[in-house]
Protein backbone atom coordinates (compact mmCIF):
# COMPACT_ATOMS: atom_id res chain seq x y z
CA MET A 1 125.92 75.76 105.98
CA GLU A 2 127.25 78.27 103.53
CA ASN A 3 124.13 77.87 101.37
CA THR A 4 121.92 78.42 104.43
CA GLY A 5 123.84 81.58 105.35
CA ALA A 6 123.61 82.87 101.80
CA SER A 7 119.86 82.24 101.72
CA SER A 8 119.38 84.07 105.02
CA PHE A 9 121.45 86.98 103.76
CA LEU A 10 119.37 87.23 100.52
CA ARG A 11 116.08 87.06 102.47
CA SER A 12 117.18 89.83 104.79
CA ARG A 13 118.24 91.96 101.84
CA ARG A 14 114.84 91.44 100.23
CA LEU A 15 113.03 92.38 103.45
CA GLU A 16 115.24 95.43 103.85
CA SER A 17 114.49 96.50 100.31
CA CYS A 18 110.74 96.15 101.00
CA PHE A 19 110.91 98.35 104.10
CA ASN A 20 113.15 100.94 102.44
CA THR A 21 111.11 101.50 99.26
CA SER A 22 110.19 104.92 100.57
CA SER A 23 113.70 106.10 100.08
CA THR A 24 113.95 105.03 96.45
CA PRO A 25 113.90 107.71 93.74
CA ARG A 26 110.78 106.18 92.21
CA ALA A 27 108.82 106.43 95.48
CA ASP A 28 109.97 110.02 96.03
CA ALA A 29 108.85 110.96 92.54
CA SER A 30 105.48 109.29 93.09
CA ARG A 31 104.88 111.19 96.33
CA LYS A 32 105.88 114.43 94.67
CA VAL A 33 103.35 113.84 91.90
CA GLN A 34 100.65 113.09 94.49
CA ARG A 35 101.44 116.30 96.40
CA GLU A 36 101.23 118.32 93.20
CA GLU A 37 97.88 116.75 92.37
CA VAL A 38 96.54 117.59 95.83
CA LYS A 39 97.78 121.17 95.53
CA GLN A 40 96.19 121.50 92.12
CA LYS A 41 92.86 120.20 93.40
CA LEU A 42 92.93 122.59 96.35
CA LYS A 43 93.78 125.46 94.05
CA VAL A 44 90.89 124.62 91.72
CA GLY A 45 88.56 124.32 94.73
CA PHE A 46 89.55 127.74 96.08
CA LEU A 47 89.14 129.30 92.65
CA ALA A 48 85.67 127.77 92.31
CA TYR A 49 84.76 129.03 95.79
CA ASP A 50 85.96 132.54 94.93
CA ASP A 51 84.02 132.50 91.67
CA ASP A 52 80.81 131.48 93.48
CA ARG A 53 81.33 134.09 96.18
CA TRP A 54 81.95 136.92 93.73
CA SER A 55 79.00 135.81 91.60
CA SER A 56 76.72 135.98 94.65
CA VAL A 57 78.05 139.41 95.61
CA LEU A 58 77.58 140.71 92.07
CA ILE A 59 74.01 139.41 91.86
CA SER A 60 73.16 140.95 95.25
CA CYS A 61 74.60 144.32 94.19
CA LEU A 62 72.63 144.25 90.94
CA ARG A 63 69.42 143.46 92.82
CA ILE A 64 69.98 146.33 95.25
CA VAL A 65 70.65 148.77 92.41
CA LEU A 66 67.55 147.55 90.55
CA CYS A 67 65.48 147.97 93.72
CA PHE A 68 66.71 151.53 94.17
CA VAL A 69 66.05 152.47 90.54
CA SER A 70 62.59 150.86 90.59
CA MET A 71 61.65 152.61 93.84
CA MET A 72 62.80 155.97 92.53
CA PHE A 73 60.72 155.47 89.39
CA THR A 74 57.51 154.47 91.18
CA THR A 75 58.03 157.20 93.78
CA ALA A 76 58.41 159.88 91.10
CA VAL A 77 55.27 158.67 89.30
CA TRP A 78 53.14 158.65 92.46
CA ALA A 79 54.52 162.03 93.56
CA LEU A 80 53.01 163.53 90.41
CA VAL A 81 49.72 161.82 91.23
CA MET A 82 49.83 163.22 94.78
CA ILE A 83 50.42 166.76 93.53
CA PHE A 84 47.35 166.45 91.32
CA LEU A 85 45.34 165.24 94.35
CA LEU A 86 46.46 168.01 96.74
CA PRO A 87 42.88 169.24 97.37
CA TRP A 88 41.80 165.75 98.51
CA PRO A 89 43.95 164.69 101.49
CA TYR A 90 42.26 161.38 102.22
CA GLU A 91 42.37 160.33 98.59
CA ARG A 92 46.11 160.95 98.79
CA ILE A 93 46.26 158.50 101.71
CA ARG A 94 44.62 155.81 99.62
CA GLN A 95 46.82 156.51 96.62
CA GLY A 96 49.82 156.29 98.92
CA ASN A 97 48.63 152.82 99.88
CA VAL A 98 48.39 151.84 96.21
CA TYR A 99 51.97 153.04 95.81
CA GLY A 100 52.94 150.89 98.78
CA HIS A 101 51.26 147.80 97.35
CA VAL A 102 53.01 148.19 94.00
CA THR A 103 56.44 149.21 95.31
CA GLY A 104 56.52 146.83 98.27
CA ARG A 105 55.61 143.80 96.20
CA LEU A 106 58.04 144.84 93.47
CA MET A 107 60.89 145.17 95.98
CA MET A 108 60.24 141.74 97.44
CA TRP A 109 60.09 140.18 93.97
CA ILE A 110 63.38 141.77 92.86
CA LEU A 111 65.21 140.77 96.03
CA GLY A 112 63.88 137.23 95.84
CA ASN A 113 63.35 136.98 99.59
CA PRO A 114 61.18 134.01 100.66
CA ILE A 115 58.06 135.28 102.43
CA GLN A 116 55.57 133.33 104.50
CA ILE A 117 52.29 135.12 105.17
CA GLU A 118 49.88 133.95 107.87
CA GLY A 119 46.53 135.53 108.63
CA ALA A 120 46.24 137.23 105.23
CA GLU A 121 42.45 137.02 105.58
CA PHE A 122 42.63 139.80 108.19
CA SER A 123 44.79 142.16 106.12
CA ASN A 124 41.82 143.96 104.55
CA LYS A 125 40.19 144.88 107.85
CA ARG A 126 40.39 148.18 109.66
CA ALA A 127 42.90 147.76 112.44
CA ILE A 128 46.04 148.98 114.15
CA TYR A 129 48.94 147.16 112.50
CA ILE A 130 52.01 146.78 114.69
CA SER A 131 55.37 145.88 113.18
CA ASN A 132 58.85 145.32 114.50
CA HIS A 133 61.67 147.17 112.76
CA ALA A 134 64.78 145.03 112.37
CA SER A 135 65.43 145.79 108.70
CA PRO A 136 64.60 148.40 106.04
CA LEU A 137 62.60 145.64 104.35
CA ASP A 138 60.02 145.83 107.16
CA ILE A 139 58.74 149.09 105.67
CA PHE A 140 58.24 147.59 102.22
CA LEU A 141 56.51 144.54 103.64
CA ILE A 142 54.09 146.58 105.73
CA MET A 143 53.42 148.91 102.77
CA TRP A 144 52.54 145.91 100.64
CA LEU A 145 50.39 144.01 103.15
CA THR A 146 48.27 146.74 104.74
CA PRO A 147 44.94 147.71 103.13
CA LYS A 148 43.95 150.93 101.42
CA GLY A 149 43.07 153.63 103.88
CA THR A 150 46.06 153.04 106.17
CA VAL A 151 48.28 155.77 107.58
CA GLY A 152 51.67 155.43 109.21
CA ILE A 153 53.55 157.30 111.90
CA ALA A 154 57.19 158.24 111.38
CA LYS A 155 59.78 160.63 112.79
CA LYS A 156 59.61 164.15 111.39
CA GLU A 157 63.09 163.79 109.82
CA ILE A 158 61.68 161.39 107.23
CA ILE A 159 60.94 164.38 105.01
CA TRP A 160 64.66 164.61 104.22
CA TYR A 161 64.77 161.13 102.66
CA PRO A 162 65.15 161.71 98.90
CA LEU A 163 61.80 161.36 97.07
CA PHE A 164 60.43 158.79 99.52
CA GLY A 165 60.23 161.33 102.36
CA GLN A 166 58.49 163.92 100.21
CA LEU A 167 56.00 161.31 98.97
CA TYR A 168 55.36 160.28 102.57
CA VAL A 169 54.34 163.84 103.42
CA LEU A 170 52.28 164.23 100.24
CA ALA A 171 50.44 161.00 101.09
CA ASN A 172 49.22 162.73 104.27
CA HIS A 173 50.88 160.32 106.67
CA LEU A 174 51.75 161.35 110.20
CA ARG A 175 55.03 162.73 111.51
CA ILE A 176 56.00 163.29 115.12
CA ASP A 177 58.77 165.16 116.86
CA ARG A 178 60.42 162.54 119.05
CA SER A 179 62.43 165.20 120.88
CA ASN A 180 59.23 166.83 122.22
CA GLN A 181 57.17 164.17 123.99
CA THR A 182 54.27 166.47 124.90
CA ALA A 183 53.82 167.71 121.34
CA ALA A 184 54.22 164.19 119.96
CA ILE A 185 51.48 162.79 122.22
CA ALA A 186 49.17 165.67 121.29
CA SER A 187 49.78 165.04 117.58
CA MET A 188 49.06 161.36 117.98
CA LYS A 189 45.82 162.02 119.83
CA GLU A 190 44.67 164.30 117.02
CA ALA A 191 45.71 161.66 114.50
CA ALA A 192 43.75 159.00 116.40
CA GLN A 193 40.62 161.13 116.21
CA ALA A 194 41.12 161.70 112.48
CA ILE A 195 41.57 157.96 111.99
CA ILE A 196 38.25 157.29 113.73
CA ASP A 197 36.42 160.03 111.83
CA ASN A 198 37.64 158.85 108.43
CA ASN A 199 37.52 155.09 109.05
CA LEU A 200 41.26 154.58 108.53
CA SER A 201 43.74 151.97 109.73
CA LEU A 202 47.05 152.75 111.41
CA VAL A 203 50.58 151.32 111.18
CA ILE A 204 52.96 151.85 114.09
CA PHE A 205 56.50 150.70 114.87
CA PRO A 206 56.34 150.67 118.68
CA GLU A 207 60.10 150.21 119.06
CA GLY A 208 60.43 153.79 117.82
CA THR A 209 63.56 153.09 115.77
CA ARG A 210 65.28 150.34 113.81
CA SER A 211 67.00 147.59 115.76
CA ARG A 212 70.70 147.35 114.83
CA SER A 213 71.08 143.88 116.33
CA GLY A 214 67.94 142.35 114.84
CA ARG A 215 66.50 141.76 118.31
CA LEU A 216 63.22 143.26 119.44
CA LEU A 217 63.70 146.57 121.28
CA PRO A 218 61.56 147.82 124.19
CA PHE A 219 58.31 149.46 123.09
CA LYS A 220 57.95 153.21 123.41
CA LYS A 221 55.12 153.93 125.84
CA MET A 222 54.39 157.25 124.17
CA GLN A 223 52.71 155.70 121.15
CA ILE A 224 50.72 153.18 123.16
CA GLU A 225 49.53 155.72 125.72
CA ALA A 226 48.48 158.21 123.04
CA LEU A 227 46.32 155.64 121.25
CA LYS A 228 44.95 153.82 124.28
CA GLY A 229 41.15 153.80 124.31
CA ARG A 230 40.89 156.11 121.32
CA ILE A 231 40.64 153.68 118.41
CA PRO A 232 37.90 151.10 118.89
CA PRO A 233 38.50 147.47 117.88
């Protein structure tokens, strides 16, 4: 009986020791090492994430700066060409389109934006090209994709945009005063007649301004009404 009691006591002690291993110094040290390893891995992961994020930001900033410098260079070069061509207004329009093809394509290449073009076979035809305006990149895209002999319509304040605004005026594109609807419609009707007489195409942004949300804004009736029935298909 004593041997049986001793055996039961030893078995219970062994079971107790199995269930209480978590409280031993060795187990505590092991868990501490595991926690430190997890912390170290998380720290390395956050550092890697920060490095990737800052690398992306730096590359984006460099691309934007390169775009700005490239645009200023091409704009300055074509401004000199426009000054030389002052006596020939419609040749300035076509040279402005060449500037748009070069600068627009260059901007898209530097930025690395993926572009999918559908209906490119129609881009060399005389037409009214209508574009939405959710981003400044819309201007460069439309400059690149429209054919020679295309004029645009912009607000009169564009002349104050450094270099680009002055080149826009030199290229004989159209400006309207959005604060004076009567005068703006009259200017657009005259422009429509000039477009017909000189076999030109037209680019319009019927929203009238850039969308801050990225969603399509309501079209301005002024532009549509002024051009209605005046430019044949």
